Amino acid sequence: MDDLTEKQLKSFGRSLKALHDELLMLLDISSESGDPVELDQTKVGRLSRMDAIQQQEMSHACRAGYQKRLKDVQRALLNIEQGGSGLCEYGWCQHCGDNIDIRRLEVKPESKFCVKCQESQEN
């Protein structure tokens, strides 16, 4: 793949900004789900409390995922806005330096690795 065109960069920028706003909204919505679970058994039975604690842990995991993805989105937006250089330029793999396939960017516009390098990072 050649360098991304200006039109493609603008399109990915719009996608990233929309994703940025969506992630901020999800973080805002989920902010109360991390409140401590009350231990008052008169209000909540033991199994219900255990379920609430499990729900709270799942919420923490989701929030951590949202926060990580938001950080990646912000980095990608900054790379587009500043034009980047070398391995930091948007659309280029930060590991091997090759172009990231446009189909990957269409699915996950905040991608910083090509598929091959992402797979090696996960292993």
C-alpha atoms as a PDB file:
ATOM      1  CA  MET A   1       0.000   0.000   0.000  1.00  0.00           C
ATOM      2  CA  ASP A   2       1.211   3.505  -0.707  1.00  0.00           C
ATOM      3  CA  ASP A   3       0.972   6.395   1.706  1.00  0.00           C
ATOM      4  CA  LEU A   4      -2.554   7.354   2.676  1.00  0.00           C
ATOM      5  CA  THR A   5      -4.104  10.139   0.623  1.00  0.00           C
ATOM      6  CA  GLU A   6      -5.213  13.376   2.227  1.00  0.00           C
ATOM      7  CA  LYS A   7      -8.840  12.305   1.717  1.00  0.00           C
ATOM      8  CA  GLN A   8      -8.212   8.979   3.480  1.00  0.00           C
ATOM      9  CA  LEU A   9      -6.429  10.707   6.361  1.00  0.00           C
ATOM     10  CA  LYS A  10      -9.367  13.092   6.828  1.00  0.00           C
ATOM     11  CA  SER A  11     -11.774  10.158   6.770  1.00  0.00           C
ATOM     12  CA  PHE A  12      -9.747   8.262   9.380  1.00  0.00           C
ATOM     13  CA  GLY A  13      -9.502  11.458  11.424  1.00  0.00           C
ATOM     14  CA  ARG A  14     -13.298  11.769  11.459  1.00  0.00           C
ATOM     15  CA  SER A  15     -13.642   8.091  12.431  1.00  0.00           C
ATOM     16  CA  LEU A  16     -11.117   8.514  15.220  1.00  0.00           C
ATOM     17  CA  LYS A  17     -12.830  11.656  16.548  1.00  0.00           C
ATOM     18  CA  ALA A  18     -16.186   9.846  16.601  1.00  0.00           C
ATOM     19  CA  LEU A  19     -14.578   6.885  18.371  1.00  0.00           C
ATOM     20  CA  HIS A  20     -12.916   9.294  20.826  1.00  0.00           C
ATOM     21  CA  ASP A  21     -16.288  10.839  21.703  1.00  0.00           C
ATOM     22  CA  GLU A  22     -17.918   7.404  22.017  1.00  0.00           C
ATOM     23  CA  LEU A  23     -15.206   6.166  24.382  1.00  0.00           C
ATOM     24  CA  LEU A  24     -15.517   9.284  26.538  1.00  0.00           C
ATOM     25  CA  MET A  25     -19.262   8.698  26.732  1.00  0.00           C
ATOM     26  CA  LEU A  26     -18.762   5.026  27.691  1.00  0.00           C
ATOM     27  CA  LEU A  27     -16.284   6.022  30.394  1.00  0.00           C
ATOM     28  CA  ASP A  28     -18.746   8.593  31.718  1.00  0.00           C
ATOM     29  CA  ILE A  29     -21.632   6.127  31.712  1.00  0.00           C
ATOM     30  CA  SER A  30     -19.599   3.434  33.436  1.00  0.00           C
ATOM     31  CA  SER A  31     -18.076   5.719  36.073  1.00  0.00           C
ATOM     32  CA  GLU A  32     -20.689   4.890  38.722  1.00  0.00           C
ATOM     33  CA  SER A  33     -20.444   1.134  38.215  1.00  0.00           C
ATOM     34  CA  GLY A  34     -17.172   1.116  40.129  1.00  0.00           C
ATOM     35  CA  ASP A  35     -18.766   2.328  43.360  1.00  0.00           C
ATOM     36  CA  PRO A  36     -18.135   0.045  46.337  1.00  0.00           C
ATOM     37  CA  VAL A  37     -20.626  -2.748  46.908  1.00  0.00           C
ATOM     38  CA  GLU A  38     -22.496  -2.363  50.190  1.00  0.00           C
ATOM     39  CA  LEU A  39     -22.111  -5.185  52.676  1.00  0.00           C
ATOM     40  CA  ASP A  40     -25.535  -4.691  54.256  1.00  0.00           C
ATOM     41  CA  GLN A  41     -27.194  -8.129  53.999  1.00  0.00           C
ATOM     42  CA  THR A  42     -30.583  -6.696  54.890  1.00  0.00           C
ATOM     43  CA  LYS A  43     -30.601  -4.866  51.561  1.00  0.00           C
ATOM     44  CA  VAL A  44     -28.847  -7.439  49.412  1.00  0.00           C
ATOM     45  CA  GLY A  45     -28.525 -11.173  49.949  1.00  0.00           C
ATOM     46  CA  ARG A  46     -25.164 -12.927  49.936  1.00  0.00           C
ATOM     47  CA  LEU A  47     -25.489 -14.268  46.381  1.00  0.00           C
ATOM     48  CA  SER A  48     -26.754 -10.950  45.084  1.00  0.00           C
ATOM     49  CA  ARG A  49     -23.817  -9.187  46.729  1.00  0.00           C
ATOM     50  CA  MET A  50     -21.385 -11.675  45.171  1.00  0.00           C
ATOM     51  CA  ASP A  51     -23.028 -11.031  41.800  1.00  0.00           C
ATOM     52  CA  ALA A  52     -22.705  -7.276  42.362  1.00  0.00           C
ATOM     53  CA  ILE A  53     -19.003  -7.682  43.179  1.00  0.00           C
ATOM     54  CA  GLN A  54     -18.496  -9.736  40.019  1.00  0.00           C
ATOM     55  CA  GLN A  55     -20.344  -7.091  37.982  1.00  0.00           C
ATOM     56  CA  GLN A  56     -18.121  -4.435  39.548  1.00  0.00           C
ATOM     57  CA  GLU A  57     -14.962  -6.337  38.566  1.00  0.00           C
ATOM     58  CA  MET A  58     -16.235  -6.750  35.009  1.00  0.00           C
ATOM     59  CA  SER A  59     -16.991  -3.034  34.895  1.00  0.00           C
ATOM     60  CA  HIS A  60     -13.439  -2.225  36.039  1.00  0.00           C
ATOM     61  CA  ALA A  61     -12.057  -4.452  33.263  1.00  0.00           C
ATOM     62  CA  CYS A  62     -14.278  -2.752  30.658  1.00  0.00           C
ATOM     63  CA  ARG A  63     -13.261   0.701  31.874  1.00  0.00           C
ATOM     64  CA  ALA A  64      -9.577  -0.264  31.677  1.00  0.00           C
ATOM     65  CA  GLY A  65     -10.150  -1.406  28.082  1.00  0.00           C
ATOM     66  CA  TYR A  66     -11.945   1.844  27.224  1.00  0.00           C
ATOM     67  CA  GLN A  67      -9.116   3.872  28.774  1.00  0.00           C
ATOM     68  CA  LYS A  68      -6.433   1.955  26.860  1.00  0.00           C
ATOM     69  CA  ARG A  69      -8.317   2.305  23.589  1.00  0.00           C
ATOM     70  CA  LEU A  70      -8.906   6.016  24.251  1.00  0.00           C
ATOM     71  CA  LYS A  71      -5.164   6.483  24.725  1.00  0.00           C
ATOM     72  CA  ASP A  72      -4.519   4.701  21.399  1.00  0.00           C
ATOM     73  CA  VAL A  73      -7.152   6.842  19.662  1.00  0.00           C
ATOM     74  CA  GLN A  74      -5.635  10.039  21.070  1.00  0.00           C
ATOM     75  CA  ARG A  75      -2.173   8.953  19.872  1.00  0.00           C
ATOM     76  CA  ALA A  76      -3.515   8.211  16.386  1.00  0.00           C
ATOM     77  CA  LEU A  77      -5.320  11.570  16.214  1.00  0.00           C
ATOM     78  CA  LEU A  78      -2.135  13.345  17.268  1.00  0.00           C
ATOM     79  CA  ASN A  79      -0.170  11.504  14.571  1.00  0.00           C
ATOM     80  CA  ILE A  80      -2.695  12.578  11.936  1.00  0.00           C
ATOM     81  CA  GLU A  81      -2.816  16.190  13.150  1.00  0.00           C
ATOM     82  CA  GLN A  82       0.948  16.586  13.433  1.00  0.00           C
ATOM     83  CA  GLY A  83       1.774  14.588  10.339  1.00  0.00           C
ATOM     84  CA  GLY A  84       4.224  12.440  12.294  1.00  0.00           C
ATOM     85  CA  SER A  85       7.519  11.267  10.925  1.00  0.00           C
ATOM     86  CA  GLY A  86       9.183   7.914  10.469  1.00  0.00           C
ATOM     87  CA  LEU A  87       7.617   5.122  12.508  1.00  0.00           C
ATOM     88  CA  CYS A  88       5.237   7.494  14.310  1.00  0.00           C
ATOM     89  CA  GLU A  89       3.351   8.563  11.209  1.00  0.00           C
ATOM     90  CA  TYR A  90      -0.273   7.481  11.036  1.00  0.00           C
ATOM     91  CA  GLY A  91      -0.796   4.356   8.947  1.00  0.00           C
ATOM     92  CA  TRP A  92       2.730   3.010   9.476  1.00  0.00           C
ATOM     93  CA  CYS A  93       3.578   0.074  11.740  1.00  0.00           C
ATOM     94  CA  GLN A  94       5.505   1.230  14.792  1.00  0.00           C
ATOM     95  CA  HIS A  95       7.368  -2.077  14.936  1.00  0.00           C
ATOM     96  CA  CYS A  96       8.480  -2.948  11.400  1.00  0.00           C
ATOM     97  CA  GLY A  97       7.912   0.395   9.657  1.00  0.00           C
ATOM     98  CA  ASP A  98       5.718  -1.044   6.892  1.00  0.00           C
ATOM     99  CA  ASN A  99       2.383   0.464   5.926  1.00  0.00           C
ATOM    100  CA  ILE A 100      -0.633  -0.808   7.853  1.00  0.00           C
ATOM    101  CA  ASP A 101      -3.161  -2.321   5.456  1.00  0.00           C
ATOM    102  CA  ILE A 102      -6.029   0.097   4.885  1.00  0.00           C
ATOM    103  CA  ARG A 103      -8.543  -2.682   5.615  1.00  0.00           C
ATOM    104  CA  ARG A 104      -7.071  -2.988   9.109  1.00  0.00           C
ATOM    105  CA  LEU A 105      -7.310   0.777   9.626  1.00  0.00           C
ATOM    106  CA  GLU A 106     -10.936   0.716   8.474  1.00  0.00           C
ATOM    107  CA  VAL A 107     -11.749  -1.845  11.188  1.00  0.00           C
ATOM    108  CA  LYS A 108      -9.505  -0.414  13.909  1.00  0.00           C
ATOM    109  CA  PRO A 109      -8.383   3.094  12.935  1.00  0.00           C
ATOM    110  CA  GLU A 110      -6.207   3.461  16.043  1.00  0.00           C
ATOM    111  CA  SER A 111      -3.992   0.520  15.012  1.00  0.00           C
ATOM    112  CA  LYS A 112      -0.306   1.157  15.535  1.00  0.00           C
ATOM    113  CA  PHE A 113       0.909  -2.235  14.271  1.00  0.00           C
ATOM    114  CA  CYS A 114       0.375  -4.182  11.055  1.00  0.00           C
ATOM    115  CA  VAL A 115      -1.415  -7.516  11.431  1.00  0.00           C
ATOM    116  CA  LYS A 116       1.819  -9.527  11.401  1.00  0.00           C
ATOM    117  CA  CYS A 117       3.468  -7.436  14.114  1.00  0.00           C
ATOM    118  CA  GLN A 118       0.269  -7.306  16.174  1.00  0.00           C
ATOM    119  CA  GLU A 119       0.123 -11.097  16.145  1.00  0.00           C
ATOM    120  CA  SER A 120       3.755 -11.329  17.243  1.00  0.00           C
ATOM    121  CA  GLN A 121       3.063  -8.802  20.044  1.00  0.00           C
ATOM    122  CA  GLU A 122       0.162 -10.917  21.305  1.00  0.00           C
ATOM    123  CA  ASN A 123       2.201 -14.149  21.338  1.00  0.00           C
END
